N, C-alpha and C. Protein backbone atom coordinates (compact mmCIF):
# COMPACT_ATOMS: atom_id res chain seq x y z
N MET A 1 26.47 44.21 -29.20
CA MET A 1 26.81 43.16 -30.14
C MET A 1 26.37 41.81 -29.58
N THR A 2 25.70 41.02 -30.37
CA THR A 2 25.25 39.70 -29.96
C THR A 2 26.37 38.70 -30.16
N GLU A 3 26.60 37.89 -29.15
CA GLU A 3 27.60 36.85 -29.27
C GLU A 3 27.00 35.65 -29.99
N LYS A 4 27.76 35.09 -30.90
CA LYS A 4 27.30 33.90 -31.60
C LYS A 4 27.66 32.67 -30.77
N ILE A 5 26.74 31.74 -30.71
CA ILE A 5 26.95 30.51 -29.94
C ILE A 5 27.23 29.37 -30.92
N TYR A 6 28.29 28.64 -30.66
CA TYR A 6 28.63 27.46 -31.43
C TYR A 6 28.64 26.26 -30.49
N ARG A 7 28.01 25.19 -30.88
CA ARG A 7 28.09 23.94 -30.12
C ARG A 7 29.28 23.17 -30.67
N ILE A 8 30.33 23.03 -29.88
CA ILE A 8 31.52 22.38 -30.43
C ILE A 8 31.35 20.88 -30.58
N ASN A 9 30.30 20.31 -29.97
CA ASN A 9 30.07 18.87 -30.17
C ASN A 9 29.16 18.61 -31.37
N ASP A 10 28.77 19.66 -32.09
CA ASP A 10 27.97 19.55 -33.31
C ASP A 10 28.92 19.80 -34.50
N ASN A 11 29.13 18.78 -35.34
CA ASN A 11 30.09 18.89 -36.44
C ASN A 11 29.83 20.10 -37.32
N LYS A 12 28.58 20.35 -37.69
CA LYS A 12 28.25 21.47 -38.57
C LYS A 12 28.61 22.81 -37.92
N GLU A 13 28.24 22.97 -36.65
CA GLU A 13 28.52 24.24 -35.97
C GLU A 13 30.01 24.41 -35.69
N ARG A 14 30.70 23.32 -35.38
CA ARG A 14 32.15 23.40 -35.17
C ARG A 14 32.85 23.80 -36.46
N ASN A 15 32.44 23.22 -37.58
CA ASN A 15 33.02 23.59 -38.87
C ASN A 15 32.69 25.03 -39.24
N GLU A 16 31.49 25.49 -38.87
CA GLU A 16 31.12 26.89 -39.10
C GLU A 16 32.03 27.82 -38.29
N LEU A 17 32.31 27.45 -37.06
CA LEU A 17 33.23 28.24 -36.23
C LEU A 17 34.60 28.30 -36.89
N TYR A 18 35.10 27.14 -37.35
CA TYR A 18 36.40 27.11 -38.03
C TYR A 18 36.39 28.05 -39.23
N SER A 19 35.31 28.01 -40.00
CA SER A 19 35.20 28.85 -41.19
C SER A 19 35.12 30.34 -40.83
N ASP A 20 34.35 30.66 -39.79
CA ASP A 20 34.17 32.06 -39.39
C ASP A 20 35.46 32.67 -38.86
N TYR A 21 36.27 31.88 -38.17
CA TYR A 21 37.44 32.44 -37.50
C TYR A 21 38.77 32.04 -38.12
N LYS A 22 38.77 31.04 -38.98
CA LYS A 22 39.97 30.57 -39.67
C LYS A 22 41.18 30.61 -38.75
N ASN A 23 42.17 31.43 -39.06
CA ASN A 23 43.40 31.49 -38.25
C ASN A 23 43.45 32.70 -37.33
N THR A 24 42.31 33.34 -37.12
CA THR A 24 42.31 34.51 -36.24
C THR A 24 42.18 34.08 -34.79
N GLY A 25 42.61 34.93 -33.93
CA GLY A 25 42.52 34.65 -32.51
C GLY A 25 41.50 35.55 -31.86
N GLY A 26 41.46 35.51 -30.56
CA GLY A 26 40.54 36.37 -29.84
C GLY A 26 40.23 35.84 -28.46
N VAL A 27 39.23 36.44 -27.86
CA VAL A 27 38.78 36.06 -26.53
C VAL A 27 37.51 35.23 -26.68
N TYR A 28 37.37 34.20 -25.88
CA TYR A 28 36.18 33.35 -25.96
C TYR A 28 35.67 33.04 -24.57
N LYS A 29 34.39 32.70 -24.50
CA LYS A 29 33.77 32.26 -23.25
C LYS A 29 33.19 30.88 -23.48
N LEU A 30 33.36 30.03 -22.51
CA LEU A 30 32.85 28.66 -22.58
C LEU A 30 31.69 28.52 -21.61
N HIS A 31 30.55 28.08 -22.13
CA HIS A 31 29.34 27.86 -21.34
C HIS A 31 28.87 26.42 -21.57
N CYS A 32 27.93 25.99 -20.77
CA CYS A 32 27.29 24.70 -20.98
C CYS A 32 25.81 24.96 -21.25
N LEU A 33 25.35 24.67 -22.47
CA LEU A 33 23.95 24.89 -22.84
C LEU A 33 23.05 23.89 -22.14
N LYS A 34 21.86 24.35 -21.78
CA LYS A 34 20.85 23.43 -21.26
C LYS A 34 20.45 22.49 -22.39
N PRO A 35 20.22 21.22 -22.09
CA PRO A 35 19.81 20.27 -23.13
C PRO A 35 18.55 20.76 -23.85
N GLY A 36 18.58 20.73 -25.17
CA GLY A 36 17.44 21.15 -25.97
C GLY A 36 17.30 22.64 -26.16
N SER A 37 18.22 23.43 -25.61
CA SER A 37 18.14 24.88 -25.72
C SER A 37 19.16 25.42 -26.71
N ASP A 38 18.81 26.53 -27.35
CA ASP A 38 19.74 27.20 -28.25
C ASP A 38 20.43 28.39 -27.60
N HIS A 39 19.94 28.81 -26.44
CA HIS A 39 20.48 30.04 -25.86
C HIS A 39 20.47 30.08 -24.33
N GLU A 40 19.97 29.08 -23.66
CA GLU A 40 19.95 29.08 -22.19
C GLU A 40 21.09 28.20 -21.67
N PHE A 41 21.82 28.76 -20.70
CA PHE A 41 22.94 28.04 -20.13
C PHE A 41 22.58 27.44 -18.78
N ILE A 42 23.30 26.41 -18.40
CA ILE A 42 23.09 25.76 -17.10
C ILE A 42 23.74 26.64 -16.03
N PRO A 43 22.98 27.04 -14.99
CA PRO A 43 23.57 27.81 -13.90
C PRO A 43 24.65 26.99 -13.19
N LEU A 44 25.67 27.68 -12.72
CA LEU A 44 26.79 27.00 -12.08
C LEU A 44 26.79 27.27 -10.59
N ASN A 45 26.92 26.22 -9.82
CA ASN A 45 27.04 26.37 -8.37
C ASN A 45 28.50 26.67 -8.02
N ARG A 46 28.70 27.86 -7.48
CA ARG A 46 30.04 28.23 -7.00
C ARG A 46 30.08 27.96 -5.50
N ILE A 47 31.13 28.29 -4.84
CA ILE A 47 31.26 27.97 -3.42
C ILE A 47 30.15 28.61 -2.59
N LEU A 48 29.86 29.88 -2.81
CA LEU A 48 28.89 30.57 -1.97
C LEU A 48 27.62 31.01 -2.70
N VAL A 49 27.62 30.97 -4.01
CA VAL A 49 26.47 31.47 -4.77
C VAL A 49 26.26 30.65 -6.03
N ILE A 50 25.10 30.87 -6.66
CA ILE A 50 24.86 30.32 -7.99
C ILE A 50 25.27 31.40 -8.98
N ASP A 51 26.14 31.05 -9.90
CA ASP A 51 26.67 31.98 -10.88
C ASP A 51 25.63 32.23 -11.97
N LYS A 52 25.07 33.43 -12.00
CA LYS A 52 24.04 33.79 -12.99
C LYS A 52 24.64 34.00 -14.38
N GLU A 53 25.95 34.25 -14.46
CA GLU A 53 26.59 34.47 -15.76
C GLU A 53 26.86 33.14 -16.46
N ASP A 54 26.90 32.06 -15.69
CA ASP A 54 27.06 30.70 -16.24
C ASP A 54 28.32 30.52 -17.07
N VAL A 55 29.40 31.19 -16.72
CA VAL A 55 30.64 31.10 -17.48
C VAL A 55 31.52 30.01 -16.88
N LEU A 56 31.83 28.99 -17.69
CA LEU A 56 32.74 27.94 -17.25
C LEU A 56 34.19 28.39 -17.33
N TYR A 57 34.49 29.15 -18.39
CA TYR A 57 35.87 29.51 -18.64
C TYR A 57 35.91 30.69 -19.59
N ILE A 58 36.87 31.57 -19.39
CA ILE A 58 37.14 32.66 -20.33
C ILE A 58 38.60 32.50 -20.72
N GLY A 59 38.86 32.53 -22.01
CA GLY A 59 40.24 32.35 -22.47
C GLY A 59 40.58 33.27 -23.62
N LYS A 60 41.84 33.28 -23.95
CA LYS A 60 42.35 34.06 -25.07
C LYS A 60 43.24 33.13 -25.87
N THR A 61 43.15 33.21 -27.19
CA THR A 61 43.90 32.28 -28.01
C THR A 61 44.40 32.94 -29.27
N GLY A 62 45.42 32.34 -29.86
CA GLY A 62 45.89 32.73 -31.18
C GLY A 62 44.90 32.15 -32.18
N PRO A 63 45.28 31.09 -32.89
CA PRO A 63 44.33 30.49 -33.84
C PRO A 63 43.15 29.84 -33.11
N ALA A 64 41.97 30.40 -33.26
CA ALA A 64 40.78 29.90 -32.57
C ALA A 64 40.45 28.47 -32.98
N ALA A 65 40.63 28.15 -34.26
CA ALA A 65 40.30 26.81 -34.74
C ALA A 65 41.14 25.75 -34.03
N ALA A 66 42.40 26.03 -33.80
CA ALA A 66 43.27 25.06 -33.12
C ALA A 66 42.83 24.89 -31.67
N ARG A 67 42.47 25.97 -31.01
CA ARG A 67 42.04 25.90 -29.60
C ARG A 67 40.75 25.11 -29.48
N VAL A 68 39.80 25.35 -30.38
CA VAL A 68 38.53 24.62 -30.35
C VAL A 68 38.77 23.15 -30.66
N GLY A 69 39.65 22.87 -31.61
CA GLY A 69 39.98 21.49 -31.92
C GLY A 69 40.55 20.76 -30.72
N ASP A 70 41.44 21.43 -29.98
CA ASP A 70 42.00 20.83 -28.77
C ASP A 70 40.92 20.58 -27.73
N LEU A 71 40.03 21.55 -27.54
CA LEU A 71 38.96 21.40 -26.57
C LEU A 71 38.02 20.25 -26.96
N PHE A 72 37.65 20.20 -28.24
CA PHE A 72 36.77 19.13 -28.71
C PHE A 72 37.41 17.77 -28.49
N LYS A 73 38.69 17.67 -28.75
CA LYS A 73 39.40 16.40 -28.56
C LYS A 73 39.32 15.96 -27.10
N THR A 74 39.47 16.90 -26.16
CA THR A 74 39.49 16.51 -24.75
C THR A 74 38.13 16.10 -24.21
N ILE A 75 37.04 16.51 -24.88
CA ILE A 75 35.72 16.08 -24.40
C ILE A 75 35.26 14.78 -25.07
N SER A 76 36.08 14.28 -25.98
CA SER A 76 35.75 13.04 -26.67
C SER A 76 35.92 11.85 -25.72
N ASP A 77 35.01 10.88 -25.82
CA ASP A 77 35.10 9.65 -25.03
C ASP A 77 36.37 8.86 -25.37
N LYS A 78 36.91 9.06 -26.56
CA LYS A 78 38.08 8.32 -27.01
C LYS A 78 39.40 8.94 -26.55
N TYR A 79 39.32 10.15 -25.97
CA TYR A 79 40.54 10.84 -25.55
C TYR A 79 40.98 10.35 -24.19
N ASP A 80 42.24 9.97 -24.08
CA ASP A 80 42.79 9.51 -22.81
C ASP A 80 44.06 10.30 -22.55
N SER A 81 44.12 10.91 -21.40
CA SER A 81 45.28 11.73 -21.10
C SER A 81 45.61 11.65 -19.62
N ASN A 82 46.88 11.78 -19.32
CA ASN A 82 47.29 11.89 -17.93
C ASN A 82 47.57 13.35 -17.58
N ARG A 83 47.26 14.25 -18.52
CA ARG A 83 47.44 15.68 -18.33
C ARG A 83 46.07 16.33 -18.11
N HIS A 84 46.08 17.61 -17.87
CA HIS A 84 44.86 18.38 -17.66
C HIS A 84 43.93 18.27 -18.87
N HIS A 85 42.68 17.96 -18.66
CA HIS A 85 41.72 17.97 -19.76
C HIS A 85 40.34 18.30 -19.21
N VAL A 86 39.41 18.61 -20.12
CA VAL A 86 38.06 19.01 -19.75
C VAL A 86 37.22 17.77 -19.49
N GLY A 87 36.46 17.77 -18.45
CA GLY A 87 35.56 16.65 -18.15
C GLY A 87 34.12 17.05 -18.36
N ILE A 88 33.30 16.10 -18.74
CA ILE A 88 31.87 16.38 -18.87
C ILE A 88 31.08 15.38 -18.07
């Protein structure tokens, strides 16, 4: 099965993700796409090796749309928090 890639910083693709998953949950993987690429991820330097799987995070969620909305909010330049958030 091919995994579908959604760019959460792209309004159209984020809305497509919301539409595809509505209130369903599931398991997701978070990657960082190479600039200008539709399918290549940036390799990650781990402590002892370069991670060929390029996985930033694997999570499980109830409503996927709510989780993606939270993630998108935390990568926004306008988001300010003293709690844990994603940095870019």
